[in-house]
């Protein structure tokens, strides 16, 4: 396996991680921003107010996109296992 193939494989892995993690991270970012603005305007500094809505939003996104995420990760894993004989040569 050449250096170019290894670089391509690493790039695909990083893109897969970014693609799978970004919906949950963006959701947590947006919910956190909304809660922070709400806390700043009302002067409520309750710590659980930031934690609970983020967890609920992430669980909802995971429920909606979990099937897609699992199939995408499964497809990537199958591609990696199919490449094993080529890597040995």
PDB file of N, CA and C in Angstrom:
ATOM      1  N   UNK A   1       0.859  -1.170   0.000  1.00  0.00           N
ATOM      2  CA  UNK A   1       0.000   0.000   0.000  1.00  0.00           C
ATOM      3  C   UNK A   1       0.902   1.229   0.000  1.00  0.00           C
ATOM      4  N   UNK A   2       0.611   2.127  -0.901  1.00  0.00           N
ATOM      5  CA  UNK A   2       1.457   3.306  -1.055  1.00  0.00           C
ATOM      6  C   UNK A   2       1.072   4.392  -0.042  1.00  0.00           C
ATOM      7  N   UNK A   3       1.923   5.390   0.008  1.00  0.00           N
ATOM      8  CA  UNK A   3       1.677   6.508   0.918  1.00  0.00           C
ATOM      9  C   UNK A   3       0.421   7.275   0.511  1.00  0.00           C
ATOM     10  N   UNK A   4       0.162   7.391  -0.778  1.00  0.00           N
ATOM     11  CA  UNK A   4      -1.044   8.067  -1.256  1.00  0.00           C
ATOM     12  C   UNK A   4      -2.310   7.342  -0.844  1.00  0.00           C
ATOM     13  N   UNK A   5      -2.259   6.000  -0.887  1.00  0.00           N
ATOM     14  CA  UNK A   5      -3.421   5.215  -0.459  1.00  0.00           C
ATOM     15  C   UNK A   5      -3.677   5.382   1.035  1.00  0.00           C
ATOM     16  N   UNK A   6      -2.600   5.397   1.806  1.00  0.00           N
ATOM     17  CA  UNK A   6      -2.743   5.588   3.257  1.00  0.00           C
ATOM     18  C   UNK A   6      -3.311   6.967   3.576  1.00  0.00           C
ATOM     19  N   UNK A   7      -2.841   7.978   2.850  1.00  0.00           N
ATOM     20  CA  UNK A   7      -3.337   9.340   3.060  1.00  0.00           C
ATOM     21  C   UNK A   7      -4.811   9.432   2.703  1.00  0.00           C
ATOM     22  N   UNK A   8      -5.190   8.792   1.610  1.00  0.00           N
ATOM     23  CA  UNK A   8      -6.595   8.791   1.192  1.00  0.00           C
ATOM     24  C   UNK A   8      -7.467   8.078   2.219  1.00  0.00           C
ATOM     25  N   UNK A   9      -6.977   6.972   2.743  1.00  0.00           N
ATOM     26  CA  UNK A   9      -7.718   6.221   3.747  1.00  0.00           C
ATOM     27  C   UNK A   9      -7.893   7.034   5.024  1.00  0.00           C
ATOM     28  N   UNK A  10      -6.848   7.719   5.439  1.00  0.00           N
ATOM     29  CA  UNK A  10      -6.915   8.570   6.624  1.00  0.00           C
ATOM     30  C   UNK A  10      -7.873   9.737   6.407  1.00  0.00           C
ATOM     31  N   UNK A  11      -7.821  10.333   5.224  1.00  0.00           N
ATOM     32  CA  UNK A  11      -8.719  11.446   4.906  1.00  0.00           C
ATOM     33  C   UNK A  11     -10.177  10.987   4.931  1.00  0.00           C
ATOM     34  N   UNK A  12     -10.458   9.815   4.369  1.00  0.00           N
ATOM     35  CA  UNK A  12     -11.824   9.296   4.388  1.00  0.00           C
ATOM     36  C   UNK A  12     -12.302   9.040   5.811  1.00  0.00           C
ATOM     37  N   UNK A  13     -11.415   8.531   6.657  1.00  0.00           N
ATOM     38  CA  UNK A  13     -11.780   8.281   8.049  1.00  0.00           C
ATOM     39  C   UNK A  13     -12.088   9.559   8.798  1.00  0.00           C
ATOM     40  N   UNK A  14     -11.276  10.581   8.577  1.00  0.00           N
ATOM     41  CA  UNK A  14     -11.513  11.871   9.238  1.00  0.00           C
ATOM     42  C   UNK A  14     -12.810  12.494   8.749  1.00  0.00           C
ATOM     43  N   UNK A  15     -13.071  12.411   7.457  1.00  0.00           N
ATOM     44  CA  UNK A  15     -14.320  12.961   6.924  1.00  0.00           C
ATOM     45  C   UNK A  15     -15.534  12.208   7.456  1.00  0.00           C
ATOM     46  N   UNK A  16     -15.406  10.907   7.641  1.00  0.00           N
ATOM     47  CA  UNK A  16     -16.498  10.111   8.193  1.00  0.00           C
ATOM     48  C   UNK A  16     -16.793  10.538   9.635  1.00  0.00           C
ATOM     49  N   UNK A  17     -15.755  10.748  10.417  1.00  0.00           N
ATOM     50  CA  UNK A  17     -15.937  11.191  11.807  1.00  0.00           C
ATOM     51  C   UNK A  17     -16.595  12.567  11.843  1.00  0.00           C
ATOM     52  N   UNK A  18     -16.131  13.474  10.988  1.00  0.00           N
ATOM     53  CA  UNK A  18     -16.712  14.820  10.954  1.00  0.00           C
ATOM     54  C   UNK A  18     -18.176  14.760  10.531  1.00  0.00           C
ATOM     55  N   UNK A  19     -18.462  13.937   9.526  1.00  0.00           N
ATOM     56  CA  UNK A  19     -19.821  13.835   9.022  1.00  0.00           C
ATOM     57  C   UNK A  19     -20.766  13.237  10.073  1.00  0.00           C
ATOM     58  N   UNK A  20     -20.277  12.295  10.866  1.00  0.00           N
ATOM     59  CA  UNK A  20     -21.132  11.663  11.871  1.00  0.00           C
ATOM     60  C   UNK A  20     -21.292  12.517  13.131  1.00  0.00           C
ATOM     61  N   UNK A  21     -20.268  13.273  13.479  1.00  0.00           N
ATOM     62  CA  UNK A  21     -20.319  14.045  14.721  1.00  0.00           C
ATOM     63  C   UNK A  21     -20.943  15.426  14.545  1.00  0.00           C
ATOM     64  N   UNK A  22     -20.891  15.969  13.350  1.00  0.00           N
ATOM     65  CA  UNK A  22     -21.330  17.353  13.159  1.00  0.00           C
ATOM     66  C   UNK A  22     -22.811  17.608  13.466  1.00  0.00           C
ATOM     67  N   UNK A  23     -23.759  16.721  13.130  1.00  0.00           N
ATOM     68  CA  UNK A  23     -25.146  17.054  13.495  1.00  0.00           C
ATOM     69  C   UNK A  23     -25.352  17.213  14.992  1.00  0.00           C
ATOM     70  N   UNK A  24     -24.745  16.356  15.788  1.00  0.00           N
ATOM     71  CA  UNK A  24     -24.919  16.460  17.238  1.00  0.00           C
ATOM     72  C   UNK A  24     -24.178  17.667  17.803  1.00  0.00           C
ATOM     73  N   UNK A  25     -22.996  17.932  17.294  1.00  0.00           N
ATOM     74  CA  UNK A  25     -22.235  19.081  17.790  1.00  0.00           C
ATOM     75  C   UNK A  25     -22.908  20.401  17.425  1.00  0.00           C
ATOM     76  N   UNK A  26     -23.411  20.499  16.208  1.00  0.00           N
ATOM     77  CA  UNK A  26     -24.099  21.722  15.796  1.00  0.00           C
ATOM     78  C   UNK A  26     -25.390  21.929  16.589  1.00  0.00           C
ATOM     79  N   UNK A  27     -26.098  20.838  16.854  1.00  0.00           N
ATOM     80  CA  UNK A  27     -27.312  20.942  17.669  1.00  0.00           C
ATOM     81  C   UNK A  27     -26.989  21.435  19.068  1.00  0.00           C
ATOM     82  N   UNK A  28     -25.956  20.858  19.683  1.00  0.00           N
ATOM     83  CA  UNK A  28     -25.563  21.297  21.030  1.00  0.00           C
ATOM     84  C   UNK A  28     -25.106  22.753  21.007  1.00  0.00           C
ATOM     85  N   UNK A  29     -24.423  23.153  19.947  1.00  0.00           N
ATOM     86  CA  UNK A  29     -23.976  24.543  19.835  1.00  0.00           C
ATOM     87  C   UNK A  29     -25.154  25.496  19.741  1.00  0.00           C
ATOM     88  N   UNK A  30     -26.123  25.184  18.898  1.00  0.00           N
ATOM     89  CA  UNK A  30     -27.279  26.067  18.718  1.00  0.00           C
ATOM     90  C   UNK A  30     -28.141  26.132  19.981  1.00  0.00           C
ATOM     91  N   UNK A  31     -28.383  24.987  20.600  1.00  0.00           N
ATOM     92  CA  UNK A  31     -29.181  24.977  21.828  1.00  0.00           C
ATOM     93  C   UNK A  31     -28.444  25.733  22.937  1.00  0.00           C
ATOM     94  N   UNK A  32     -27.146  25.537  23.033  1.00  0.00           N
ATOM     95  CA  UNK A  32     -26.362  26.256  24.028  1.00  0.00           C
ATOM     96  C   UNK A  32     -26.380  27.754  23.813  1.00  0.00           C
ATOM     97  N   UNK A  33     -26.321  28.169  22.555  1.00  0.00           N
ATOM     98  CA  UNK A  33     -26.368  29.593  22.238  1.00  0.00           C
ATOM     99  C   UNK A  33     -27.719  30.201  22.610  1.00  0.00           C
ATOM    100  N   UNK A  34     -28.789  29.492  22.288  1.00  0.00           N
ATOM    101  CA  UNK A  34     -30.126  29.991  22.633  1.00  0.00           C
ATOM    102  C   UNK A  34     -30.288  30.076  24.149  1.00  0.00           C
ATOM    103  N   UNK A  35     -29.848  29.062  24.856  1.00  0.00           N
ATOM    104  CA  UNK A  35     -29.959  29.071  26.313  1.00  0.00           C
ATOM    105  C   UNK A  35     -29.085  30.171  26.918  1.00  0.00           C
ATOM    106  N   UNK A  36     -27.900  30.377  26.372  1.00  0.00           N
ATOM    107  CA  UNK A  36     -27.009  31.433  26.890  1.00  0.00           C
ATOM    108  C   UNK A  36     -27.627  32.812  26.688  1.00  0.00           C
ATOM    109  N   UNK A  37     -28.252  33.030  25.541  1.00  0.00           N
ATOM    110  CA  UNK A  37     -28.917  34.313  25.302  1.00  0.00           C
ATOM    111  C   UNK A  37     -30.096  34.486  26.272  1.00  0.00           C
ATOM    112  N   UNK A  38     -30.841  33.407  26.474  1.00  0.00           N
ATOM    113  CA  UNK A  38     -31.958  33.447  27.418  1.00  0.00           C
ATOM    114  C   UNK A  38     -31.467  33.748  28.829  1.00  0.00           C
ATOM    115  N   UNK A  39     -30.363  33.104  29.246  1.00  0.00           N
ATOM    116  CA  UNK A  39     -29.828  33.343  30.583  1.00  0.00           C
ATOM    117  C   UNK A  39     -29.291  34.759  30.733  1.00  0.00           C
ATOM    118  N   UNK A  40     -28.702  35.289  29.677  1.00  0.00           N
ATOM    119  CA  UNK A  40     -28.163  36.647  29.752  1.00  0.00           C
ATOM    120  C   UNK A  40     -29.275  37.683  29.846  1.00  0.00           C
ATOM    121  N   UNK A  41     -30.377  37.438  29.164  1.00  0.00           N
ATOM    122  CA  UNK A  41     -31.459  38.416  29.190  1.00  0.00           C
ATOM    123  C   UNK A  41     -32.285  38.337  30.470  1.00  0.00           C
ATOM    124  N   UNK A  42     -32.371  37.170  31.089  1.00  0.00           N
ATOM    125  CA  UNK A  42     -33.201  37.033  32.290  1.00  0.00           C
ATOM    126  C   UNK A  42     -32.394  36.972  33.578  1.00  0.00           C
ATOM    127  N   UNK A  43     -31.096  36.942  33.496  1.00  0.00           N
ATOM    128  CA  UNK A  43     -30.201  36.854  34.662  1.00  0.00           C
ATOM    129  C   UNK A  43     -30.414  35.592  35.475  1.00  0.00           C
ATOM    130  N   UNK A  44     -30.874  34.532  34.829  1.00  0.00           N
ATOM    131  CA  UNK A  44     -31.000  33.228  35.481  1.00  0.00           C
ATOM    132  C   UNK A  44     -29.702  32.475  35.238  1.00  0.00           C
ATOM    133  N   UNK A  45     -29.021  32.088  36.306  1.00  0.00           N
ATOM    134  CA  UNK A  45     -27.732  31.408  36.176  1.00  0.00           C
ATOM    135  C   UNK A  45     -27.807  29.979  36.714  1.00  0.00           C
ATOM    136  N   UNK A  46     -28.808  29.261  36.322  1.00  0.00           N
ATOM    137  CA  UNK A  46     -28.978  27.874  36.745  1.00  0.00           C
ATOM    138  C   UNK A  46     -28.185  26.958  35.817  1.00  0.00           C
ATOM    139  N   UNK A  47     -27.332  26.102  36.380  1.00  0.00           N
ATOM    140  CA  UNK A  47     -26.467  25.250  35.563  1.00  0.00           C
ATOM    141  C   UNK A  47     -27.234  24.151  34.846  1.00  0.00           C
ATOM    142  N   UNK A  48     -28.277  23.625  35.478  1.00  0.00           N
ATOM    143  CA  UNK A  48     -29.037  22.555  34.837  1.00  0.00           C
ATOM    144  C   UNK A  48     -29.844  23.073  33.654  1.00  0.00           C
ATOM    145  N   UNK A  49     -30.072  24.361  33.604  1.00  0.00           N
ATOM    146  CA  UNK A  49     -30.805  24.945  32.484  1.00  0.00           C
ATOM    147  C   UNK A  49     -30.021  24.803  31.180  1.00  0.00           C
ATOM    148  N   UNK A  50     -28.716  24.751  31.236  1.00  0.00           N
ATOM    149  CA  UNK A  50     -27.925  24.572  30.017  1.00  0.00           C
ATOM    150  C   UNK A  50     -27.735  23.096  29.696  1.00  0.00           C
ATOM    151  N   UNK A  51     -27.696  22.247  30.694  1.00  0.00           N
ATOM    152  CA  UNK A  51     -27.371  20.838  30.479  1.00  0.00           C
ATOM    153  C   UNK A  51     -28.549  20.030  29.955  1.00  0.00           C
ATOM    154  N   UNK A  52     -29.694  20.143  30.571  1.00  0.00           N
ATOM    155  CA  UNK A  52     -30.850  19.306  30.236  1.00  0.00           C
ATOM    156  C   UNK A  52     -31.356  19.544  28.809  1.00  0.00           C
ATOM    157  N   UNK A  53     -31.536  20.785  28.346  1.00  0.00           N
ATOM    158  CA  UNK A  53     -31.994  20.959  26.959  1.00  0.00           C
ATOM    159  C   UNK A  53     -30.997  20.435  25.923  1.00  0.00           C
ATOM    160  N   UNK A  54     -29.703  20.554  26.210  1.00  0.00           N
ATOM    161  CA  UNK A  54     -28.699  20.018  25.276  1.00  0.00           C
ATOM    162  C   UNK A  54     -28.803  18.502  25.171  1.00  0.00           C
ATOM    163  N   UNK A  55     -28.955  17.847  26.299  1.00  0.00           N
ATOM    164  CA  UNK A  55     -29.069  16.384  26.293  1.00  0.00           C
ATOM    165  C   UNK A  55     -30.323  15.950  25.546  1.00  0.00           C
ATOM    166  N   UNK A  56     -31.427  16.631  25.790  1.00  0.00           N
ATOM    167  CA  UNK A  56     -32.676  16.287  25.106  1.00  0.00           C
ATOM    168  C   UNK A  56     -32.549  16.514  23.600  1.00  0.00           C
ATOM    169  N   UNK A  57     -31.959  17.632  23.196  1.00  0.00           N
ATOM    170  CA  UNK A  57     -31.799  17.924  21.773  1.00  0.00           C
ATOM    171  C   UNK A  57     -30.871  16.920  21.103  1.00  0.00           C
ATOM    172  N   UNK A  58     -29.792  16.540  21.760  1.00  0.00           N
ATOM    173  CA  UNK A  58     -28.871  15.567  21.181  1.00  0.00           C
ATOM    174  C   UNK A  58     -29.546  14.201  21.064  1.00  0.00           C
ATOM    175  N   UNK A  59     -30.331  13.810  22.063  1.00  0.00           N
ATOM    176  CA  UNK A  59     -31.045  12.536  21.972  1.00  0.00           C
ATOM    177  C   UNK A  59     -32.072  12.550  20.843  1.00  0.00           C
ATOM    178  N   UNK A  60     -32.741  13.679  20.626  1.00  0.00           N
ATOM    179  CA  UNK A  60     -33.689  13.785  19.511  1.00  0.00           C
ATOM    180  C   UNK A  60     -32.974  13.664  18.163  1.00  0.00           C
ATOM    181  N   UNK A  61     -31.862  14.354  18.015  1.00  0.00           N
ATOM    182  CA  UNK A  61     -31.093  14.267  16.765  1.00  0.00           C
ATOM    183  C   UNK A  61     -30.577  12.847  16.569  1.00  0.00           C
ATOM    184  N   UNK A  62     -30.127  12.229  17.630  1.00  0.00           N
ATOM    185  CA  UNK A  62     -29.651  10.856  17.540  1.00  0.00           C
ATOM    186  C   UNK A  62     -30.789   9.909  17.154  1.00  0.00           C
ATOM    187  N   UNK A  63     -31.981  10.181  17.645  1.00  0.00           N
ATOM    188  CA  UNK A  63     -33.144   9.379  17.269  1.00  0.00           C
ATOM    189  C   UNK A  63     -33.514   9.552  15.809  1.00  0.00           C
ATOM    190  N   UNK A  64     -33.431  10.788  15.313  1.00  0.00           N
ATOM    191  CA  UNK A  64     -33.774  11.042  13.916  1.00  0.00           C
ATOM    192  C   UNK A  64     -32.701  10.558  12.949  1.00  0.00           C
ATOM    193  N   UNK A  65     -31.451  10.793  13.281  1.00  0.00           N
ATOM    194  CA  UNK A  65     -30.360  10.492  12.355  1.00  0.00           C
ATOM    195  C   UNK A  65     -29.573   9.240  12.719  1.00  0.00           C
ATOM    196  N   UNK A  66     -29.980   8.529  13.763  1.00  0.00           N
ATOM    197  CA  UNK A  66     -29.232   7.363  14.210  1.00  0.00           C
ATOM    198  C   UNK A  66     -29.134   6.267  13.159  1.00  0.00           C
ATOM    199  N   UNK A  67     -30.206   6.028  12.440  1.00  0.00           N
ATOM    200  CA  UNK A  67     -30.193   5.006  11.387  1.00  0.00           C
ATOM    201  C   UNK A  67     -29.223   5.348  10.269  1.00  0.00           C
ATOM    202  N   UNK A  68     -29.264   6.608   9.858  1.00  0.00           N
ATOM    203  CA  UNK A  68     -28.335   7.049   8.815  1.00  0.00           C
ATOM    204  C   UNK A  68     -26.889   6.964   9.293  1.00  0.00           C
ATOM    205  N   UNK A  69     -26.657   7.368  10.532  1.00  0.00           N
ATOM    206  CA  UNK A  69     -25.296   7.341  11.068  1.00  0.00           C
ATOM    207  C   UNK A  69     -24.781   5.908  11.156  1.00  0.00           C
ATOM    208  N   UNK A  70     -25.629   5.003  11.596  1.00  0.00           N
ATOM    209  CA  UNK A  70     -25.224   3.609  11.724  1.00  0.00           C
ATOM    210  C   UNK A  70     -24.962   2.979  10.364  1.00  0.00           C
ATOM    211  N   UNK A  71     -25.810   3.271   9.383  1.00  0.00           N
ATOM    212  CA  UNK A  71     -25.581   2.701   8.049  1.00  0.00           C
ATOM    213  C   UNK A  71     -24.342   3.300   7.388  1.00  0.00           C
ATOM    214  N   UNK A  72     -24.092   4.578   7.598  1.00  0.00           N
ATOM    215  CA  UNK A  72     -22.901   5.209   7.036  1.00  0.00           C
ATOM    216  C   UNK A  72     -21.637   4.615   7.645  1.00  0.00           C
ATOM    217  N   UNK A  73     -21.633   4.438   8.956  1.00  0.00           N
ATOM    218  CA  UNK A  73     -20.485   3.837   9.626  1.00  0.00           C
ATOM    219  C   UNK A  73     -20.320   2.376   9.223  1.00  0.00           C
ATOM    220  N   UNK A  74     -21.417   1.674   9.040  1.00  0.00           N
ATOM    221  CA  UNK A  74     -21.354   0.280   8.588  1.00  0.00           C
ATOM    222  C   UNK A  74     -20.785   0.163   7.186  1.00  0.00           C
ATOM    223  N   UNK A  75     -21.216   1.056   6.291  1.00  0.00           N
ATOM    224  CA  UNK A  75     -20.681   1.047   4.923  1.00  0.00           C
ATOM    225  C   UNK A  75     -19.189   1.329   4.910  1.00  0.00           C
ATOM    226  N   UNK A  76     -18.755   2.275   5.733  1.00  0.00           N
ATOM    227  CA  UNK A  76     -17.335   2.602   5.799  1.00  0.00           C
ATOM    228  C   UNK A  76     -16.532   1.419   6.342  1.00  0.00           C
ATOM    229  N   UNK A  77     -17.076   0.735   7.343  1.00  0.00           N
ATOM    230  CA  UNK A  77     -16.392  -0.423   7.909  1.00  0.00           C
ATOM    231  C   UNK A  77     -16.297  -1.556   6.898  1.00  0.00           C
ATOM    232  N   UNK A  78     -17.355  -1.787   6.148  1.00  0.00           N
ATOM    233  CA  UNK A  78     -17.326  -2.827   5.114  1.00  0.00           C
ATOM    234  C   UNK A  78     -16.287  -2.488   4.052  1.00  0.00           C
ATOM    235  N   UNK A  79     -16.208  -1.210   3.658  1.00  0.00           N
ATOM    236  CA  UNK A  79     -15.171  -0.803   2.687  1.00  0.00           C
ATOM    237  C   UNK A  79     -13.770  -1.059   3.224  1.00  0.00           C
ATOM    238  N   UNK A  80     -13.563  -0.768   4.503  1.00  0.00           N
ATOM    239  CA  UNK A  80     -12.248  -1.005   5.105  1.00  0.00           C
ATOM    240  C   UNK A  80     -11.909  -2.499   5.112  1.00  0.00           C
ATOM    241  N   UNK A  81     -12.868  -3.347   5.483  1.00  0.00           N
ATOM    242  CA  UNK A  81     -12.604  -4.777   5.511  1.00  0.00           C
ATOM    243  C   UNK A  81     -12.366  -5.338   4.113  1.00  0.00           C
ATOM    244  N   UNK A  82     -13.025  -4.769   3.124  1.00  0.00           N
ATOM    245  CA  UNK A  82     -12.797  -5.225   1.745  1.00  0.00           C
ATOM    246  C   UNK A  82     -11.435  -4.795   1.222  1.00  0.00           C
ATOM    247  N   UNK A  83     -10.852  -3.768   1.814  1.00  0.00           N
ATOM    248  CA  UNK A  83      -9.543  -3.295   1.382  1.00  0.00           C
ATOM    249  C   UNK A  83      -8.386  -4.072   2.025  1.00  0.00           C
ATOM    250  N   UNK A  84      -8.670  -4.900   3.005  1.00  0.00           N
ATOM    251  CA  UNK A  84      -7.612  -5.629   3.711  1.00  0.00           C
ATOM    252  C   UNK A  84      -6.754  -6.475   2.768  1.00  0.00           C
ATOM    253  N   UNK A  85      -7.333  -7.261   1.843  1.00  0.00           N
ATOM    254  CA  UNK A  85      -6.467  -8.052   0.952  1.00  0.00           C
ATOM    255  C   UNK A  85      -5.532  -7.185   0.096  1.00  0.00           C
ATOM    256  N   UNK A  86      -6.000  -6.001  -0.282  1.00  0.00           N
ATOM    257  CA  UNK A  86      -5.143  -5.101  -1.066  1.00  0.00           C
ATOM    258  C   UNK A  86      -4.022  -4.529  -0.213  1.00  0.00           C
ATOM    259  N   UNK A  87      -4.272  -4.340   1.071  1.00  0.00           N
ATOM    260  CA  UNK A  87      -3.253  -3.772   1.959  1.00  0.00           C
ATOM    261  C   UNK A  87      -2.121  -4.752   2.220  1.00  0.00           C
ATOM    262  N   UNK A  88      -2.427  -6.041   2.190  1.00  0.00           N
ATOM    263  CA  UNK A  88      -1.433  -7.073   2.507  1.00  0.00           C
ATOM    264  C   UNK A  88      -0.391  -7.164   1.392  1.00  0.00           C
ATOM    265  N   UNK A  89      -0.800  -6.929   0.173  1.00  0.00           N
ATOM    266  CA  UNK A  89       0.125  -7.067  -0.965  1.00  0.00           C
ATOM    267  C   UNK A  89       1.231  -6.082  -0.949  1.00  0.00           C
TER     268      UNK A  89
END
